[in-house]
All heavy atoms as atom14 arrays in JSON, in Angstrom:
{
  "sequence": "SGFSIKSWLMEWFRQAPGKQRELLGMMTTDGTDKNYSESVKGRFTIS",
  "atom14_mask": [
    [1, 1, 1, 1, 1, 1, 0, 0, 0, 0, 0, 0, 0, 0],
    [1, 1, 1, 1, 0, 0, 0, 0, 0, 0, 0, 0, 0, 0],
    [1, 1, 1, 1, 1, 1, 1, 1, 1, 1, 1, 0, 0, 0],
    [1, 1, 1, 1, 1, 1, 0, 0, 0, 0, 0, 0, 0, 0],
    [1, 1, 1, 1, 1, 1, 1, 1, 0, 0, 0, 0, 0, 0],
    [1, 1, 1, 1, 1, 1, 1, 1, 1, 0, 0, 0, 0, 0],
    [1, 1, 1, 1, 1, 1, 0, 0, 0, 0, 0, 0, 0, 0],
    [1, 1, 1, 1, 1, 1, 1, 1, 1, 1, 1, 1, 1, 1],
    [1, 1, 1, 1, 1, 1, 1, 1, 0, 0, 0, 0, 0, 0],
    [1, 1, 1, 1, 1, 1, 1, 1, 0, 0, 0, 0, 0, 0],
    [1, 1, 1, 1, 1, 1, 1, 1, 1, 0, 0, 0, 0, 0],
    [1, 1, 1, 1, 1, 1, 1, 1, 1, 1, 1, 1, 1, 1],
    [1, 1, 1, 1, 1, 1, 1, 1, 1, 1, 1, 0, 0, 0],
    [1, 1, 1, 1, 1, 1, 1, 1, 1, 1, 1, 0, 0, 0],
    [1, 1, 1, 1, 1, 1, 1, 1, 1, 0, 0, 0, 0, 0],
    [1, 1, 1, 1, 1, 0, 0, 0, 0, 0, 0, 0, 0, 0],
    [1, 1, 1, 1, 1, 1, 1, 0, 0, 0, 0, 0, 0, 0],
    [1, 1, 1, 1, 0, 0, 0, 0, 0, 0, 0, 0, 0, 0],
    [1, 1, 1, 1, 1, 1, 1, 1, 1, 0, 0, 0, 0, 0],
    [1, 1, 1, 1, 1, 1, 1, 1, 1, 0, 0, 0, 0, 0],
    [1, 1, 1, 1, 1, 1, 1, 1, 1, 1, 1, 0, 0, 0],
    [1, 1, 1, 1, 1, 1, 1, 1, 1, 0, 0, 0, 0, 0],
    [1, 1, 1, 1, 1, 1, 1, 1, 0, 0, 0, 0, 0, 0],
    [1, 1, 1, 1, 1, 1, 1, 1, 0, 0, 0, 0, 0, 0],
    [1, 1, 1, 1, 0, 0, 0, 0, 0, 0, 0, 0, 0, 0],
    [1, 1, 1, 1, 1, 1, 1, 1, 0, 0, 0, 0, 0, 0],
    [1, 1, 1, 1, 1, 1, 1, 1, 0, 0, 0, 0, 0, 0],
    [1, 1, 1, 1, 1, 1, 1, 0, 0, 0, 0, 0, 0, 0],
    [1, 1, 1, 1, 1, 1, 1, 0, 0, 0, 0, 0, 0, 0],
    [1, 1, 1, 1, 1, 1, 1, 1, 0, 0, 0, 0, 0, 0],
    [1, 1, 1, 1, 0, 0, 0, 0, 0, 0, 0, 0, 0, 0],
    [1, 1, 1, 1, 1, 1, 1, 0, 0, 0, 0, 0, 0, 0],
    [1, 1, 1, 1, 1, 1, 1, 1, 0, 0, 0, 0, 0, 0],
    [1, 1, 1, 1, 1, 1, 1, 1, 1, 0, 0, 0, 0, 0],
    [1, 1, 1, 1, 1, 1, 1, 1, 0, 0, 0, 0, 0, 0],
    [1, 1, 1, 1, 1, 1, 1, 1, 1, 1, 1, 1, 0, 0],
    [1, 1, 1, 1, 1, 1, 0, 0, 0, 0, 0, 0, 0, 0],
    [1, 1, 1, 1, 1, 1, 1, 1, 1, 0, 0, 0, 0, 0],
    [1, 1, 1, 1, 1, 1, 0, 0, 0, 0, 0, 0, 0, 0],
    [1, 1, 1, 1, 1, 1, 1, 0, 0, 0, 0, 0, 0, 0],
    [1, 1, 1, 1, 1, 1, 1, 1, 1, 0, 0, 0, 0, 0],
    [1, 1, 1, 1, 0, 0, 0, 0, 0, 0, 0, 0, 0, 0],
    [1, 1, 1, 1, 1, 1, 1, 1, 1, 1, 1, 0, 0, 0],
    [1, 1, 1, 1, 1, 1, 1, 1, 1, 1, 1, 0, 0, 0],
    [1, 1, 1, 1, 1, 1, 1, 0, 0, 0, 0, 0, 0, 0],
    [1, 1, 1, 1, 1, 1, 1, 1, 0, 0, 0, 0, 0, 0],
    [1, 1, 1, 1, 1, 1, 0, 0, 0, 0, 0, 0, 0, 0]
  ],
  "atom14_positions": [
    [[94.19, 113.92, 80.53], [95.0, 114.8, 79.85], [95.15, 116.12, 80.76], [94.47, 116.35, 81.63], [94.35, 115.32, 78.55], [93.01, 115.86, 78.65], [0.0, 0.0, 0.0], [0.0, 0.0, 0.0], [0.0, 0.0, 0.0], [0.0, 0.0, 0.0], [0.0, 0.0, 0.0], [0.0, 0.0, 0.0], [0.0, 0.0, 0.0], [0.0, 0.0, 0.0]],
    [[96.21, 116.83, 80.4], [96.58, 118.03, 81.23], [97.43, 117.72, 82.59], [97.85, 118.65, 83.24], [0.0, 0.0, 0.0], [0.0, 0.0, 0.0], [0.0, 0.0, 0.0], [0.0, 0.0, 0.0], [0.0, 0.0, 0.0], [0.0, 0.0, 0.0], [0.0, 0.0, 0.0], [0.0, 0.0, 0.0], [0.0, 0.0, 0.0], [0.0, 0.0, 0.0]],
    [[97.67, 116.48, 82.74], [98.47, 116.07, 83.86], [98.92, 114.63, 83.6], [98.25, 113.93, 82.84], [97.81, 116.2, 85.16], [96.61, 115.24, 85.39], [96.83, 114.11, 86.2], [95.46, 115.42, 84.82], [95.7, 113.18, 86.22], [94.31, 114.58, 84.96], [94.49, 113.44, 85.7], [0.0, 0.0, 0.0], [0.0, 0.0, 0.0], [0.0, 0.0, 0.0]],
    [[99.91, 114.11, 84.44], [100.4, 112.77, 84.34], [99.76, 111.98, 85.4], [99.84, 112.35, 86.61], [101.94, 112.74, 84.37], [102.39, 111.32, 84.51], [0.0, 0.0, 0.0], [0.0, 0.0, 0.0], [0.0, 0.0, 0.0], [0.0, 0.0, 0.0], [0.0, 0.0, 0.0], [0.0, 0.0, 0.0], [0.0, 0.0, 0.0], [0.0, 0.0, 0.0]],
    [[99.19, 110.87, 85.11], [98.7, 110.05, 86.15], [99.69, 109.3, 87.0], [99.33, 108.83, 88.09], [97.61, 108.95, 85.53], [98.42, 107.91, 84.7], [96.55, 109.54, 84.8], [97.62, 106.8, 84.24], [0.0, 0.0, 0.0], [0.0, 0.0, 0.0], [0.0, 0.0, 0.0], [0.0, 0.0, 0.0], [0.0, 0.0, 0.0], [0.0, 0.0, 0.0]],
    [[100.93, 109.42, 86.56], [102.0, 108.92, 87.39], [102.31, 109.97, 88.55], [103.0, 109.47, 89.63], [103.31, 108.82, 86.65], [103.2, 107.64, 85.57], [104.49, 107.56, 84.71], [105.73, 107.18, 85.59], [106.95, 107.2, 84.72], [0.0, 0.0, 0.0], [0.0, 0.0, 0.0], [0.0, 0.0, 0.0], [0.0, 0.0, 0.0], [0.0, 0.0, 0.0]],
    [[101.74, 111.04, 88.6], [102.08, 112.08, 89.52], [100.9, 112.26, 90.51], [101.19, 113.19, 91.47], [102.39, 113.35, 88.85], [103.52, 113.31, 88.06], [0.0, 0.0, 0.0], [0.0, 0.0, 0.0], [0.0, 0.0, 0.0], [0.0, 0.0, 0.0], [0.0, 0.0, 0.0], [0.0, 0.0, 0.0], [0.0, 0.0, 0.0], [0.0, 0.0, 0.0]],
    [[99.83, 111.63, 90.4], [98.77, 111.88, 91.25], [98.0, 110.5, 91.7], [98.05, 109.62, 90.92], [97.55, 112.71, 90.37], [98.02, 114.0, 90.1], [98.78, 114.43, 88.98], [97.77, 115.27, 90.88], [98.95, 115.76, 89.03], [98.45, 116.3, 90.09], [97.11, 115.51, 92.15], [98.34, 117.68, 90.66], [97.11, 116.75, 92.53], [97.66, 117.84, 91.89]],
    [[97.54, 110.56, 92.91], [96.66, 109.54, 93.38], [95.36, 109.45, 92.63], [94.73, 110.55, 92.43], [96.37, 109.68, 94.91], [95.47, 108.64, 95.43], [96.13, 107.31, 95.51], [94.93, 109.14, 96.82], [0.0, 0.0, 0.0], [0.0, 0.0, 0.0], [0.0, 0.0, 0.0], [0.0, 0.0, 0.0], [0.0, 0.0, 0.0], [0.0, 0.0, 0.0]],
    [[95.0, 108.3, 91.98], [93.88, 108.24, 91.14], [92.86, 107.32, 91.84], [93.23, 106.46, 92.47], [94.18, 107.64, 89.75], [95.29, 108.63, 89.01], [94.56, 110.21, 88.6], [93.11, 109.79, 87.57], [0.0, 0.0, 0.0], [0.0, 0.0, 0.0], [0.0, 0.0, 0.0], [0.0, 0.0, 0.0], [0.0, 0.0, 0.0], [0.0, 0.0, 0.0]],
    [[91.57, 107.57, 91.57], [90.57, 106.91, 92.28], [89.45, 106.53, 91.26], [89.1, 107.41, 90.37], [90.0, 107.57, 93.46], [90.97, 107.91, 94.54], [90.39, 108.87, 95.57], [89.86, 109.9, 95.2], [90.66, 108.53, 96.82], [0.0, 0.0, 0.0], [0.0, 0.0, 0.0], [0.0, 0.0, 0.0], [0.0, 0.0, 0.0], [0.0, 0.0, 0.0]],
    [[88.69, 105.5, 91.55], [87.35, 105.11, 90.85], [86.3, 105.16, 91.94], [86.47, 104.68, 92.99], [87.5, 103.78, 90.31], [88.25, 103.69, 88.95], [89.38, 103.17, 88.74], [87.67, 104.01, 87.66], [89.66, 103.27, 87.35], [88.63, 103.73, 86.72], [86.31, 104.54, 87.28], [88.29, 103.96, 85.41], [86.18, 104.81, 85.9], [87.1, 104.51, 85.02]],
    [[85.24, 105.81, 91.52], [84.01, 105.88, 92.3], [82.77, 105.29, 91.53], [82.92, 105.28, 90.36], [83.66, 107.36, 92.68], [84.52, 107.89, 93.78], [85.75, 108.33, 93.61], [83.97, 108.08, 95.11], [86.6, 108.87, 94.63], [84.72, 108.56, 96.09], [85.96, 109.03, 95.83], [0.0, 0.0, 0.0], [0.0, 0.0, 0.0], [0.0, 0.0, 0.0]],
    [[81.7, 105.16, 92.15], [80.51, 104.83, 91.51], [79.39, 105.47, 92.3], [79.44, 105.6, 93.56], [80.23, 103.37, 91.25], [79.88, 102.53, 92.44], [79.74, 101.05, 92.15], [79.49, 100.3, 93.34], [79.43, 98.99, 93.24], [79.66, 98.27, 92.21], [79.2, 98.37, 94.42], [0.0, 0.0, 0.0], [0.0, 0.0, 0.0], [0.0, 0.0, 0.0]],
    [[78.22, 105.62, 91.56], [76.99, 106.11, 92.21], [75.81, 105.37, 91.81], [75.51, 105.58, 90.56], [76.87, 107.66, 92.1], [75.69, 108.21, 92.94], [75.85, 109.66, 93.04], [76.46, 110.37, 92.18], [75.13, 110.38, 94.09], [0.0, 0.0, 0.0], [0.0, 0.0, 0.0], [0.0, 0.0, 0.0], [0.0, 0.0, 0.0], [0.0, 0.0, 0.0]],
    [[75.28, 104.56, 92.54], [74.02, 103.84, 92.21], [72.89, 104.7, 92.35], [72.82, 105.72, 93.07], [73.82, 102.54, 93.08], [0.0, 0.0, 0.0], [0.0, 0.0, 0.0], [0.0, 0.0, 0.0], [0.0, 0.0, 0.0], [0.0, 0.0, 0.0], [0.0, 0.0, 0.0], [0.0, 0.0, 0.0], [0.0, 0.0, 0.0], [0.0, 0.0, 0.0]],
    [[71.72, 104.41, 91.64], [70.55, 105.23, 91.77], [70.08, 105.44, 93.13], [69.94, 104.42, 93.84], [69.51, 104.55, 90.88], [70.36, 103.74, 89.88], [71.62, 103.34, 90.68], [0.0, 0.0, 0.0], [0.0, 0.0, 0.0], [0.0, 0.0, 0.0], [0.0, 0.0, 0.0], [0.0, 0.0, 0.0], [0.0, 0.0, 0.0], [0.0, 0.0, 0.0]],
    [[69.9, 106.65, 93.59], [69.33, 106.89, 94.91], [70.31, 106.85, 96.08], [69.98, 106.91, 97.17], [0.0, 0.0, 0.0], [0.0, 0.0, 0.0], [0.0, 0.0, 0.0], [0.0, 0.0, 0.0], [0.0, 0.0, 0.0], [0.0, 0.0, 0.0], [0.0, 0.0, 0.0], [0.0, 0.0, 0.0], [0.0, 0.0, 0.0], [0.0, 0.0, 0.0]],
    [[71.66, 106.52, 95.66], [72.61, 106.39, 96.79], [73.77, 107.31, 96.71], [73.94, 108.05, 95.69], [73.24, 104.88, 96.62], [72.14, 103.77, 96.9], [72.8, 102.45, 97.0], [71.77, 101.29, 97.29], [72.46, 99.95, 97.25], [0.0, 0.0, 0.0], [0.0, 0.0, 0.0], [0.0, 0.0, 0.0], [0.0, 0.0, 0.0], [0.0, 0.0, 0.0]],
    [[74.57, 107.34, 97.66], [75.72, 108.28, 97.77], [76.86, 107.71, 96.94], [76.84, 106.39, 96.66], [76.17, 108.37, 99.19], [75.3, 109.23, 100.17], [75.91, 109.45, 101.42], [76.44, 108.56, 102.08], [75.94, 110.77, 101.83], [0.0, 0.0, 0.0], [0.0, 0.0, 0.0], [0.0, 0.0, 0.0], [0.0, 0.0, 0.0], [0.0, 0.0, 0.0]],
    [[77.75, 108.55, 96.34], [78.81, 108.16, 95.72], [79.77, 107.31, 96.58], [80.03, 107.63, 97.71], [79.55, 109.37, 95.16], [80.47, 109.02, 93.98], [80.91, 110.31, 93.24], [79.81, 110.84, 92.53], [79.87, 111.85, 91.64], [81.04, 112.38, 91.42], [78.84, 112.38, 91.06], [0.0, 0.0, 0.0], [0.0, 0.0, 0.0], [0.0, 0.0, 0.0]],
    [[80.28, 106.24, 96.04], [81.1, 105.21, 96.74], [82.46, 105.11, 96.06], [82.62, 105.01, 94.95], [80.32, 103.87, 96.75], [81.1, 102.76, 97.25], [80.52, 101.35, 96.99], [79.6, 101.25, 96.02], [80.88, 100.41, 97.68], [0.0, 0.0, 0.0], [0.0, 0.0, 0.0], [0.0, 0.0, 0.0], [0.0, 0.0, 0.0], [0.0, 0.0, 0.0]],
    [[83.49, 105.28, 97.02], [84.85, 104.9, 96.67], [85.06, 103.45, 96.39], [84.79, 102.7, 97.27], [85.81, 105.49, 97.67], [87.32, 105.13, 97.43], [87.83, 105.89, 96.17], [88.15, 105.54, 98.58], [0.0, 0.0, 0.0], [0.0, 0.0, 0.0], [0.0, 0.0, 0.0], [0.0, 0.0, 0.0], [0.0, 0.0, 0.0], [0.0, 0.0, 0.0]],
    [[85.63, 103.2, 95.18], [85.79, 101.74, 94.79], [87.19, 101.31, 95.13], [87.42, 100.18, 95.5], [85.54, 101.47, 93.32], [83.99, 101.87, 92.95], [83.83, 101.65, 91.49], [83.01, 100.99, 93.77], [0.0, 0.0, 0.0], [0.0, 0.0, 0.0], [0.0, 0.0, 0.0], [0.0, 0.0, 0.0], [0.0, 0.0, 0.0], [0.0, 0.0, 0.0]],
    [[88.27, 102.2, 94.9], [89.56, 101.79, 94.98], [90.53, 102.92, 94.49], [90.04, 103.88, 93.95], [0.0, 0.0, 0.0], [0.0, 0.0, 0.0], [0.0, 0.0, 0.0], [0.0, 0.0, 0.0], [0.0, 0.0, 0.0], [0.0, 0.0, 0.0], [0.0, 0.0, 0.0], [0.0, 0.0, 0.0], [0.0, 0.0, 0.0], [0.0, 0.0, 0.0]],
    [[91.87, 102.71, 94.74], [92.8, 103.77, 94.43], [93.92, 103.17, 93.63], [94.21, 102.04, 93.64], [93.34, 104.34, 95.64], [92.35, 104.97, 96.58], [93.16, 105.6, 98.08], [91.74, 106.27, 98.98], [0.0, 0.0, 0.0], [0.0, 0.0, 0.0], [0.0, 0.0, 0.0], [0.0, 0.0, 0.0], [0.0, 0.0, 0.0], [0.0, 0.0, 0.0]],
    [[94.58, 104.03, 92.96], [95.91, 103.72, 92.3], [96.97, 104.78, 92.71], [96.75, 105.97, 92.43], [95.7, 103.71, 90.8], [97.14, 103.59, 89.93], [97.89, 102.03, 90.3], [96.83, 100.92, 89.4], [0.0, 0.0, 0.0], [0.0, 0.0, 0.0], [0.0, 0.0, 0.0], [0.0, 0.0, 0.0], [0.0, 0.0, 0.0], [0.0, 0.0, 0.0]],
    [[97.95, 104.33, 93.42], [98.91, 105.3, 93.84], [99.91, 105.73, 92.8], [99.97, 105.15, 91.68], [99.69, 104.72, 95.08], [100.54, 103.55, 94.57], [98.77, 104.11, 96.09], [0.0, 0.0, 0.0], [0.0, 0.0, 0.0], [0.0, 0.0, 0.0], [0.0, 0.0, 0.0], [0.0, 0.0, 0.0], [0.0, 0.0, 0.0], [0.0, 0.0, 0.0]],
    [[100.66, 106.73, 93.12], [101.62, 107.24, 92.14], [102.76, 106.18, 91.67], [103.28, 106.31, 90.66], [102.3, 108.46, 92.59], [103.01, 108.17, 93.85], [101.32, 109.66, 92.81], [0.0, 0.0, 0.0], [0.0, 0.0, 0.0], [0.0, 0.0, 0.0], [0.0, 0.0, 0.0], [0.0, 0.0, 0.0], [0.0, 0.0, 0.0], [0.0, 0.0, 0.0]],
    [[103.09, 105.31, 92.66], [104.0, 104.24, 92.38], [103.39, 103.04, 91.67], [104.1, 102.03, 91.55], [104.79, 103.82, 93.53], [104.07, 103.12, 94.65], [102.78, 103.15, 94.57], [104.64, 102.62, 95.57], [0.0, 0.0, 0.0], [0.0, 0.0, 0.0], [0.0, 0.0, 0.0], [0.0, 0.0, 0.0], [0.0, 0.0, 0.0], [0.0, 0.0, 0.0]],
    [[102.08, 103.06, 91.36], [101.56, 101.89, 90.7], [100.87, 100.9, 91.55], [100.57, 99.87, 90.96], [0.0, 0.0, 0.0], [0.0, 0.0, 0.0], [0.0, 0.0, 0.0], [0.0, 0.0, 0.0], [0.0, 0.0, 0.0], [0.0, 0.0, 0.0], [0.0, 0.0, 0.0], [0.0, 0.0, 0.0], [0.0, 0.0, 0.0], [0.0, 0.0, 0.0]],
    [[100.57, 101.1, 92.85], [99.98, 100.25, 93.61], [98.5, 100.44, 93.73], [97.98, 101.54, 94.0], [100.52, 100.27, 95.08], [101.98, 100.03, 95.04], [99.91, 99.26, 95.95], [0.0, 0.0, 0.0], [0.0, 0.0, 0.0], [0.0, 0.0, 0.0], [0.0, 0.0, 0.0], [0.0, 0.0, 0.0], [0.0, 0.0, 0.0], [0.0, 0.0, 0.0]],
    [[97.62, 99.37, 93.37], [96.12, 99.53, 93.61], [95.92, 99.0, 94.99], [96.44, 98.06, 95.52], [95.51, 98.59, 92.54], [95.88, 97.18, 92.63], [97.0, 96.85, 92.75], [94.92, 96.3, 92.51], [0.0, 0.0, 0.0], [0.0, 0.0, 0.0], [0.0, 0.0, 0.0], [0.0, 0.0, 0.0], [0.0, 0.0, 0.0], [0.0, 0.0, 0.0]],
    [[95.0, 99.73, 95.68], [94.63, 99.49, 97.06], [93.33, 100.14, 97.51], [92.64, 100.79, 96.71], [95.77, 100.16, 97.89], [95.94, 101.59, 97.81], [97.19, 102.26, 98.44], [97.08, 102.09, 99.91], [98.16, 102.84, 100.65], [0.0, 0.0, 0.0], [0.0, 0.0, 0.0], [0.0, 0.0, 0.0], [0.0, 0.0, 0.0], [0.0, 0.0, 0.0]],
    [[92.98, 99.88, 98.71], [91.82, 100.46, 99.39], [90.46, 100.05, 98.63], [89.63, 100.91, 98.52], [91.98, 101.89, 99.56], [92.94, 102.22, 100.58], [93.55, 101.28, 101.28], [93.22, 103.53, 100.88], [0.0, 0.0, 0.0], [0.0, 0.0, 0.0], [0.0, 0.0, 0.0], [0.0, 0.0, 0.0], [0.0, 0.0, 0.0], [0.0, 0.0, 0.0]],
    [[90.31, 98.9, 98.01], [89.12, 98.44, 97.46], [88.03, 98.34, 98.59], [88.18, 97.87, 99.62], [89.29, 97.13, 96.83], [90.13, 97.1, 95.59], [91.42, 96.72, 95.61], [89.58, 97.61, 94.36], [92.25, 96.77, 94.48], [90.43, 97.66, 93.27], [91.8, 97.16, 93.33], [92.5, 97.2, 92.15], [0.0, 0.0, 0.0], [0.0, 0.0, 0.0]],
    [[86.79, 98.81, 98.09], [85.77, 98.61, 98.93], [85.32, 97.22, 99.18], [85.54, 96.4, 98.21], [84.42, 99.48, 98.39], [83.98, 98.85, 97.2], [0.0, 0.0, 0.0], [0.0, 0.0, 0.0], [0.0, 0.0, 0.0], [0.0, 0.0, 0.0], [0.0, 0.0, 0.0], [0.0, 0.0, 0.0], [0.0, 0.0, 0.0], [0.0, 0.0, 0.0]],
    [[84.66, 96.94, 100.18], [84.29, 95.53, 100.46], [83.32, 95.0, 99.38], [83.29, 93.73, 99.08], [83.6, 95.38, 101.82], [84.65, 95.5, 102.96], [85.71, 94.52, 103.01], [85.44, 93.28, 102.72], [86.86, 94.77, 103.35], [0.0, 0.0, 0.0], [0.0, 0.0, 0.0], [0.0, 0.0, 0.0], [0.0, 0.0, 0.0], [0.0, 0.0, 0.0]],
    [[82.54, 95.84, 98.89], [81.48, 95.51, 97.91], [82.07, 94.99, 96.58], [81.47, 94.27, 95.81], [80.49, 96.55, 97.59], [81.1, 97.74, 97.1], [0.0, 0.0, 0.0], [0.0, 0.0, 0.0], [0.0, 0.0, 0.0], [0.0, 0.0, 0.0], [0.0, 0.0, 0.0], [0.0, 0.0, 0.0], [0.0, 0.0, 0.0], [0.0, 0.0, 0.0]],
    [[83.36, 95.44, 96.19], [83.85, 94.99, 94.91], [85.21, 94.24, 95.07], [85.78, 93.78, 94.07], [84.2, 96.27, 94.14], [82.82, 97.05, 93.92], [85.19, 97.12, 94.62], [0.0, 0.0, 0.0], [0.0, 0.0, 0.0], [0.0, 0.0, 0.0], [0.0, 0.0, 0.0], [0.0, 0.0, 0.0], [0.0, 0.0, 0.0], [0.0, 0.0, 0.0]],
    [[85.76, 94.09, 96.33], [87.01, 93.44, 96.51], [86.97, 92.02, 95.99], [86.09, 91.32, 96.18], [87.29, 93.43, 98.04], [88.72, 93.06, 98.36], [89.03, 93.13, 99.83], [88.82, 94.51, 100.36], [89.09, 94.63, 101.87], [0.0, 0.0, 0.0], [0.0, 0.0, 0.0], [0.0, 0.0, 0.0], [0.0, 0.0, 0.0], [0.0, 0.0, 0.0]],
    [[88.03, 91.71, 95.2], [88.14, 90.47, 94.59], [87.48, 90.36, 93.2], [87.68, 89.35, 92.53], [0.0, 0.0, 0.0], [0.0, 0.0, 0.0], [0.0, 0.0, 0.0], [0.0, 0.0, 0.0], [0.0, 0.0, 0.0], [0.0, 0.0, 0.0], [0.0, 0.0, 0.0], [0.0, 0.0, 0.0], [0.0, 0.0, 0.0], [0.0, 0.0, 0.0]],
    [[86.62, 91.16, 92.91], [85.91, 91.34, 91.52], [86.39, 92.42, 90.6], [86.48, 92.31, 89.41], [84.43, 91.5, 91.68], [83.82, 90.28, 92.56], [82.28, 90.42, 92.47], [81.88, 91.69, 93.17], [81.11, 92.62, 92.45], [80.74, 92.36, 91.16], [80.67, 93.67, 93.17], [0.0, 0.0, 0.0], [0.0, 0.0, 0.0], [0.0, 0.0, 0.0]],
    [[86.8, 93.62, 91.28], [87.26, 94.78, 90.46], [88.79, 94.98, 90.68], [89.24, 94.7, 91.72], [86.6, 95.98, 90.92], [85.03, 96.08, 90.5], [84.37, 94.93, 90.17], [84.46, 97.3, 90.76], [83.01, 95.17, 89.91], [83.04, 97.41, 90.48], [82.36, 96.34, 90.0], [0.0, 0.0, 0.0], [0.0, 0.0, 0.0], [0.0, 0.0, 0.0]],
    [[89.38, 95.38, 89.65], [90.9, 95.59, 89.66], [91.19, 96.87, 89.02], [90.71, 97.14, 87.82], [91.65, 94.46, 89.05], [91.29, 93.24, 89.67], [93.14, 94.73, 89.16], [0.0, 0.0, 0.0], [0.0, 0.0, 0.0], [0.0, 0.0, 0.0], [0.0, 0.0, 0.0], [0.0, 0.0, 0.0], [0.0, 0.0, 0.0], [0.0, 0.0, 0.0]],
    [[92.04, 97.83, 89.64], [92.35, 99.04, 88.97], [93.76, 98.83, 88.46], [94.62, 98.3, 89.03], [92.39, 100.13, 90.05], [90.95, 100.35, 90.6], [92.95, 101.43, 89.42], [90.9, 101.31, 91.73], [0.0, 0.0, 0.0], [0.0, 0.0, 0.0], [0.0, 0.0, 0.0], [0.0, 0.0, 0.0], [0.0, 0.0, 0.0], [0.0, 0.0, 0.0]],
    [[94.09, 99.3, 87.2], [95.31, 99.25, 86.67], [95.53, 100.58, 85.83], [94.64, 101.37, 85.79], [95.5, 98.09, 85.67], [94.55, 98.06, 84.65], [0.0, 0.0, 0.0], [0.0, 0.0, 0.0], [0.0, 0.0, 0.0], [0.0, 0.0, 0.0], [0.0, 0.0, 0.0], [0.0, 0.0, 0.0], [0.0, 0.0, 0.0], [0.0, 0.0, 0.0]]
  ]
}
């Protein structure tokens, strides 16, 4: 809320216990999902 997700690059991250925060993937302003991490590629999908 407060902005349109169509106007901003959006990202998902995760942080496992005791580990650094990890970028999982992105959703571009034109609706393309990309840049999945190797650890989740093929299993996780951003929409």
